[in-house]
Amino acid sequence: MQWQFRNRAAVFACILLALTTAAAWPQSGQTIRLVLPFPPGGPADAMARLVAEQVGASGGPTMVVESHPGAGTEIGTEYVFRSDPDGNTLGIISNSFVVLPLIRKLNYDPFMDFAPICELASFPPLIVVNGDSPYRTLADLINAAHAQPGVLTLGTIGPATSTQLAFEMLKYKAKANITFVPFTGYTPAVQALLGQQITAAMADVSTLQGQIQTGKLRALATTARTRVASLPTVPTVAESGYDVKQEFFGGVVAPAKTPKETIARLTDVFKTALQAPSIKAKFASLGFFAGGECGADYTAILRKDYADYGQIIRDANLKMQ
């Protein structure tokens, strides 16, 4: 009799666990789309795919990454804004989420029309030159720009992106006239630099580290607040004498009218994935740092970034198209 009671209790516990799991994610049979506002192949793409894989490995819903690039992330973000608020279409965001509203009129409001879920990762940008370049330090590059106003060029993703904003801030702080060359992604900018079509480029560590290791590219500085662990000899821009501290980030949002209970379930799904040691290790190998701020905390971070970027743009009188 005691064995039967224990056996029935075990069966009941299994049934309860199954019901709890179903309640936690009732749409587990559906596929959730993560809309990427960048071309495939960049750091945000790698981040989104790693997170999607980890969500599945952690028992969450199936997620696929769809690329909707263009207009400095505006096209993909607006696509999410116009999607049904059912939790099946989410948006990957970057710094541009809070930069674009400061420099152009949009069809959506980043805070009224979206519900921030979680910050997924952050990644440090690098300023690099060709391995054959005569410039060995950031000071060399800036001094050459002073001597040849408007002649030197820097390429990165753009226009009107957070990467361009970091570049424009450096120009302002260094009082250097360097011509900005926009590309559709980091990879095309790097290819142009390897082909010596531009003087310098700015991109994230994961895009650049292979070419840096082989000596085809030379890292001059990072705009991050601290040095990159995998490149300890590369100074920060601030250490080089210019007060520029900019990092890239990646997060996930949903359309604003998505039900609160759905947002709560999605938040738990992403939190669980980001806490996995395996994804932290994979992120570290790419120079990423795992996020984890979610809900109201993440909203507060985005609002602070929006205010900080606005102050920078006003102080420097930056004009970005």
Protein backbone atom coordinates (compact mmCIF):
# COMPACT_ATOMS: atom_id res chain seq x y z
CA MET A 1 0.00 0.00 0.00
CA GLN A 2 2.83 2.40 0.90
CA TRP A 3 4.58 1.62 -2.42
CA GLN A 4 1.36 2.28 -4.33
CA PHE A 5 0.92 5.61 -2.57
CA ARG A 6 4.47 6.66 -3.40
CA ASN A 7 4.07 5.50 -6.99
CA ARG A 8 0.85 7.46 -7.40
CA ALA A 9 2.52 10.49 -5.82
CA ALA A 10 5.37 10.25 -8.31
CA VAL A 11 2.94 10.00 -11.21
CA PHE A 12 1.00 12.99 -9.89
CA ALA A 13 4.24 14.99 -9.59
CA CYS A 14 5.12 14.21 -13.22
CA ILE A 15 1.68 15.27 -14.38
CA LEU A 16 1.93 18.48 -12.34
CA LEU A 17 5.35 19.25 -13.85
CA ALA A 18 4.01 18.72 -17.37
CA LEU A 19 1.06 21.00 -16.68
CA THR A 20 3.34 23.64 -15.18
CA THR A 21 5.63 23.54 -18.23
CA ALA A 22 2.64 23.84 -20.57
CA ALA A 23 1.35 26.80 -18.59
CA ALA A 24 4.76 28.41 -18.72
CA TRP A 25 4.88 28.23 -22.49
CA PRO A 26 1.52 27.28 -24.08
CA GLN A 27 2.78 28.18 -27.58
CA SER A 28 5.74 25.77 -27.50
CA GLY A 29 4.57 24.19 -30.76
CA GLN A 30 4.90 27.51 -32.61
CA THR A 31 7.99 29.17 -33.97
CA ILE A 32 8.98 32.61 -32.73
CA ARG A 33 10.67 34.94 -35.21
CA LEU A 34 13.57 37.09 -34.06
CA VAL A 35 13.68 39.96 -36.55
CA LEU A 36 17.24 41.17 -37.14
CA PRO A 37 17.46 44.74 -38.52
CA PHE A 38 20.96 44.07 -39.90
CA PRO A 39 22.31 42.00 -42.80
CA PRO A 40 23.21 38.40 -41.89
CA GLY A 41 26.71 37.60 -40.72
CA GLY A 42 27.41 40.42 -38.28
CA PRO A 43 27.76 40.36 -34.49
CA ALA A 44 24.03 40.90 -33.84
CA ASP A 45 23.25 37.95 -36.12
CA ALA A 46 25.72 35.71 -34.27
CA MET A 47 24.31 36.85 -30.93
CA ALA A 48 20.69 36.25 -31.97
CA ARG A 49 21.42 32.78 -33.34
CA LEU A 50 23.34 31.71 -30.26
CA VAL A 51 20.51 32.90 -28.02
CA ALA A 52 17.90 31.16 -30.20
CA GLU A 53 19.87 27.90 -30.00
CA GLN A 54 20.24 28.19 -26.23
CA VAL A 55 16.53 28.93 -25.76
CA GLY A 56 15.75 25.67 -27.56
CA ALA A 57 18.40 23.76 -25.61
CA SER A 58 16.92 25.10 -22.36
CA GLY A 59 13.48 23.71 -23.20
CA GLY A 60 12.01 26.93 -24.53
CA PRO A 61 10.15 27.56 -27.79
CA THR A 62 11.73 27.26 -31.24
CA MET A 63 13.17 30.55 -32.43
CA VAL A 64 14.43 31.50 -35.89
CA VAL A 65 16.32 34.60 -36.97
CA GLU A 66 15.00 36.63 -39.92
CA SER A 67 17.03 39.46 -41.43
CA HIS A 68 15.20 42.67 -42.39
CA PRO A 69 18.05 45.15 -42.90
CA GLY A 70 18.04 48.73 -44.10
CA ALA A 71 17.80 52.42 -43.15
CA GLY A 72 20.08 52.08 -40.14
CA THR A 73 17.84 49.38 -38.54
CA GLU A 74 14.62 51.37 -39.11
CA ILE A 75 13.13 48.88 -41.60
CA GLY A 76 13.44 45.84 -39.36
CA THR A 77 12.32 47.67 -36.26
CA GLU A 78 9.25 49.08 -37.99
CA TYR A 79 8.45 45.57 -39.25
CA VAL A 80 8.26 44.39 -35.63
CA PHE A 81 6.20 47.45 -34.67
CA ARG A 82 3.61 46.53 -37.32
CA SER A 83 3.54 42.82 -36.40
CA ASP A 84 0.75 41.18 -34.42
CA PRO A 85 1.41 41.57 -30.68
CA ASP A 86 1.07 37.87 -29.97
CA GLY A 87 4.61 37.06 -28.83
CA ASN A 88 5.48 35.28 -32.07
CA THR A 89 7.43 38.18 -33.63
CA LEU A 90 10.18 39.84 -31.60
CA GLY A 91 12.79 42.39 -32.55
CA ILE A 92 16.53 42.37 -32.03
CA ILE A 93 17.66 45.91 -31.19
CA SER A 94 20.97 47.72 -30.92
CA ASN A 95 22.11 51.18 -29.89
CA SER A 96 20.38 52.49 -33.04
CA PHE A 97 17.06 51.77 -31.33
CA VAL A 98 17.62 54.87 -29.18
CA VAL A 99 19.85 56.83 -31.60
CA LEU A 100 17.58 56.96 -34.66
CA PRO A 101 14.69 58.78 -32.90
CA LEU A 102 17.16 61.54 -32.03
CA ILE A 103 18.21 62.24 -35.60
CA ARG A 104 15.19 61.51 -37.79
CA LYS A 105 11.40 61.26 -37.71
CA LEU A 106 10.21 57.66 -37.40
CA ASN A 107 6.84 55.95 -37.75
CA TYR A 108 7.24 54.42 -34.30
CA ASP A 109 8.28 55.51 -30.81
CA PRO A 110 10.90 53.29 -29.16
CA PHE A 111 9.28 53.54 -25.73
CA MET A 112 5.57 53.84 -26.54
CA ASP A 113 5.42 51.19 -29.26
CA PHE A 114 7.65 48.46 -27.84
CA ALA A 115 7.98 46.40 -24.68
CA PRO A 116 11.66 45.81 -23.84
CA ILE A 117 12.28 42.22 -22.75
CA CYS A 118 15.98 41.67 -22.07
CA GLU A 119 19.44 42.90 -22.93
CA LEU A 120 21.15 39.93 -24.58
CA ALA A 121 24.80 40.96 -24.95
CA SER A 122 27.24 43.81 -25.34
CA PHE A 123 30.33 43.89 -27.53
CA PRO A 124 33.27 46.30 -27.75
CA PRO A 125 34.04 48.15 -31.01
CA LEU A 126 37.55 48.45 -32.41
CA ILE A 127 39.18 51.01 -34.70
CA VAL A 128 41.47 49.17 -37.10
CA VAL A 129 43.75 49.87 -40.07
CA ASN A 130 45.28 47.65 -42.72
CA GLY A 131 48.26 45.63 -41.55
CA ASP A 132 50.41 47.49 -44.10
CA SER A 133 49.24 50.90 -42.87
CA PRO A 134 51.87 53.34 -41.56
CA TYR A 135 49.57 54.17 -38.62
CA ARG A 136 50.49 52.14 -35.54
CA THR A 137 48.56 54.11 -32.92
CA LEU A 138 45.37 56.13 -32.78
CA ALA A 139 47.51 59.23 -32.30
CA ASP A 140 49.24 58.46 -35.62
CA LEU A 141 45.87 58.33 -37.38
CA ILE A 142 44.59 61.52 -35.75
CA ASN A 143 47.82 63.42 -36.48
CA ALA A 144 47.63 62.39 -40.14
CA ALA A 145 44.02 63.59 -40.25
CA HIS A 146 45.11 66.96 -38.86
CA ALA A 147 47.78 67.20 -41.55
CA GLN A 148 45.41 66.14 -44.36
CA PRO A 149 41.87 67.37 -43.52
CA GLY A 150 39.17 65.32 -45.24
CA VAL A 151 41.61 62.98 -47.00
CA LEU A 152 41.58 60.04 -44.59
CA THR A 153 38.48 57.81 -44.53
CA LEU A 154 36.82 55.52 -42.00
CA GLY A 155 34.25 52.93 -43.00
CA THR A 156 31.63 51.20 -40.90
CA ILE A 157 27.96 50.29 -40.96
CA GLY A 158 25.72 53.27 -41.68
CA PRO A 159 24.54 55.84 -42.18
CA ALA A 160 22.84 57.13 -39.02
CA THR A 161 23.92 54.22 -36.82
CA SER A 162 25.38 54.12 -33.33
CA THR A 163 28.70 53.13 -34.89
CA GLN A 164 28.72 56.32 -36.91
CA LEU A 165 27.83 58.20 -33.74
CA ALA A 166 30.92 56.77 -32.01
CA PHE A 167 33.02 57.81 -35.00
CA GLU A 168 31.52 61.31 -35.09
CA MET A 169 32.21 61.68 -31.38
CA LEU A 170 35.87 60.77 -31.95
CA LYS A 171 36.09 63.33 -34.76
CA TYR A 172 34.58 65.96 -32.48
CA LYS A 173 36.81 65.20 -29.50
CA ALA A 174 39.97 64.94 -31.63
CA LYS A 175 39.04 67.89 -33.87
CA ALA A 176 39.94 65.67 -36.82
CA ASN A 177 38.39 65.90 -40.28
CA ILE A 178 38.08 62.24 -41.35
CA THR A 179 35.56 61.32 -44.05
CA PHE A 180 32.87 58.82 -43.04
CA VAL A 181 32.17 56.03 -45.57
CA PRO A 182 28.95 54.06 -44.90
CA PHE A 183 28.58 50.34 -45.64
CA THR A 184 25.65 47.96 -45.43
CA GLY A 185 27.46 45.89 -42.79
CA TYR A 186 30.72 45.49 -40.91
CA THR A 187 32.01 42.77 -43.22
CA PRO A 188 31.88 44.92 -46.40
CA ALA A 189 33.72 47.68 -44.52
CA VAL A 190 36.44 45.24 -43.47
CA GLN A 191 36.74 43.92 -47.01
CA ALA A 192 37.20 47.49 -48.28
CA LEU A 193 39.90 48.05 -45.66
CA LEU A 194 41.70 44.85 -46.65
CA GLY A 195 41.56 46.09 -50.23
CA GLN A 196 43.03 49.43 -49.07
CA GLN A 197 40.00 51.31 -50.39
CA ILE A 198 39.58 53.12 -47.06
CA THR A 199 42.04 54.26 -44.41
CA ALA A 200 40.42 52.73 -41.33
CA ALA A 201 37.34 50.86 -40.19
CA MET A 202 35.28 50.39 -37.07
CA ALA A 203 33.61 47.09 -36.21
CA ASP A 204 33.15 44.66 -33.35
CA VAL A 205 35.76 42.23 -32.04
CA SER A 206 34.12 39.09 -33.46
CA THR A 207 34.17 40.51 -37.00
CA LEU A 208 37.80 41.62 -36.71
CA GLN A 209 39.65 39.18 -34.48
CA GLY A 210 40.57 36.66 -37.19
CA GLN A 211 42.16 39.31 -39.41
CA ILE A 212 43.90 40.89 -36.42
CA GLN A 213 45.40 37.55 -35.39
CA THR A 214 46.83 36.97 -38.87
CA GLY A 215 48.27 40.49 -39.00
CA LYS A 216 46.14 41.56 -41.96
CA LEU A 217 44.56 44.21 -39.75
CA ARG A 218 46.00 46.26 -36.90
CA ALA A 219 43.85 47.37 -33.96
CA LEU A 220 44.54 50.93 -32.85
CA ALA A 221 42.03 51.35 -30.03
CA THR A 222 38.64 50.35 -28.66
CA THR A 223 35.86 52.81 -27.88
CA ALA A 224 34.76 50.55 -24.99
CA ARG A 225 35.14 51.69 -21.39
CA THR A 226 37.78 49.06 -20.67
CA ARG A 227 40.33 47.12 -22.71
CA VAL A 228 39.20 43.96 -24.49
CA ALA A 229 40.33 40.88 -22.56
CA SER A 230 41.46 39.04 -25.70
CA LEU A 231 43.44 42.12 -26.90
CA PRO A 232 45.01 43.43 -23.69
CA THR A 233 47.65 45.55 -25.46
CA VAL A 234 45.06 47.56 -27.42
CA PRO A 235 44.28 50.77 -25.49
CA THR A 236 40.91 52.40 -25.10
CA VAL A 237 40.19 55.61 -26.98
CA ALA A 238 39.92 57.31 -23.58
CA GLU A 239 43.42 56.11 -22.67
CA SER A 240 44.58 57.57 -25.97
CA GLY A 241 43.45 61.00 -24.81
CA TYR A 242 39.92 61.32 -26.24
CA ASP A 243 36.84 61.11 -24.01
CA VAL A 244 34.83 58.63 -26.10
CA LYS A 245 33.28 55.63 -24.36
CA GLN A 246 30.87 53.75 -26.60
CA GLU A 247 29.94 50.07 -26.64
CA PHE A 248 27.52 48.16 -28.83
CA PHE A 249 24.66 46.22 -27.30
CA GLY A 250 22.01 43.78 -28.45
CA GLY A 251 18.60 43.28 -26.89
CA VAL A 252 15.15 41.95 -27.63
CA VAL A 253 11.79 43.73 -27.65
CA ALA A 254 8.16 42.91 -28.46
CA PRO A 255 5.34 45.05 -29.86
CA ALA A 256 3.91 47.18 -27.06
CA LYS A 257 0.45 45.57 -26.99
CA THR A 258 1.81 42.06 -26.41
CA PRO A 259 -0.04 40.65 -23.36
CA LYS A 260 1.82 41.10 -20.08
CA GLU A 261 1.67 37.40 -19.29
CA THR A 262 3.30 36.62 -22.64
CA ILE A 263 6.05 39.19 -21.95
CA ALA A 264 6.61 37.58 -18.55
CA ARG A 265 6.97 34.12 -20.08
CA LEU A 266 9.35 35.41 -22.75
CA THR A 267 11.41 37.18 -20.09
CA ASP A 268 11.80 33.91 -18.18
CA VAL A 269 12.78 32.11 -21.38
CA PHE A 270 15.54 34.59 -22.22
CA LYS A 271 16.76 34.85 -18.62
CA THR A 272 17.14 31.09 -18.45
CA ALA A 273 19.08 31.01 -21.71
CA LEU A 274 21.41 33.85 -20.71
CA GLN A 275 22.25 32.20 -17.39
CA ALA A 276 23.52 29.03 -19.07
CA PRO A 277 27.32 28.62 -18.70
CA SER A 278 27.54 27.34 -22.27
CA ILE A 279 26.25 30.55 -23.84
CA LYS A 280 28.51 32.68 -21.66
CA ALA A 281 31.47 30.66 -22.92
CA LYS A 282 30.35 31.01 -26.55
CA PHE A 283 29.84 34.75 -26.12
CA ALA A 284 33.28 35.11 -24.54
CA SER A 285 34.90 33.38 -27.52
CA LEU A 286 33.43 36.11 -29.75
CA GLY A 287 34.33 38.97 -27.44
CA PHE A 288 30.72 39.35 -26.27
CA PHE A 289 29.52 39.85 -22.71
CA ALA A 290 26.24 38.19 -21.76
CA GLY A 291 23.44 40.54 -20.77
CA GLY A 292 20.72 39.74 -18.28
CA GLU A 293 18.95 43.01 -17.43
CA CYS A 294 15.27 42.51 -18.20
CA GLY A 295 11.87 44.17 -17.94
CA ALA A 296 11.76 47.48 -16.08
CA ASP A 297 15.52 47.38 -15.44
CA TYR A 298 16.23 47.08 -19.14
CA THR A 299 13.73 49.84 -19.94
CA ALA A 300 15.57 52.12 -17.51
CA ILE A 301 18.89 51.37 -19.24
CA LEU A 302 17.42 52.19 -22.66
CA ARG A 303 15.94 55.44 -21.38
CA LYS A 304 19.29 56.46 -19.90
CA ASP A 305 21.06 55.61 -23.18
CA TYR A 306 18.49 57.71 -25.04
CA ALA A 307 19.12 60.67 -22.74
CA ASP A 308 22.91 60.26 -22.89
CA TYR A 309 22.99 60.00 -26.69
CA GLY A 310 20.73 63.03 -26.97
CA GLN A 311 23.09 65.04 -24.80
CA ILE A 312 26.10 63.95 -26.88
CA ILE A 313 24.38 64.87 -30.15
CA ARG A 314 23.35 68.29 -28.82
CA ASP A 315 26.72 69.08 -27.23
CA ALA A 316 28.67 68.15 -30.37
CA ASN A 317 26.01 69.51 -32.75
CA LEU A 318 26.29 66.27 -34.71
CA LYS A 319 24.56 66.00 -38.08
CA MET A 320 24.05 62.40 -39.17
CA GLN A 321 22.06 61.41 -42.24
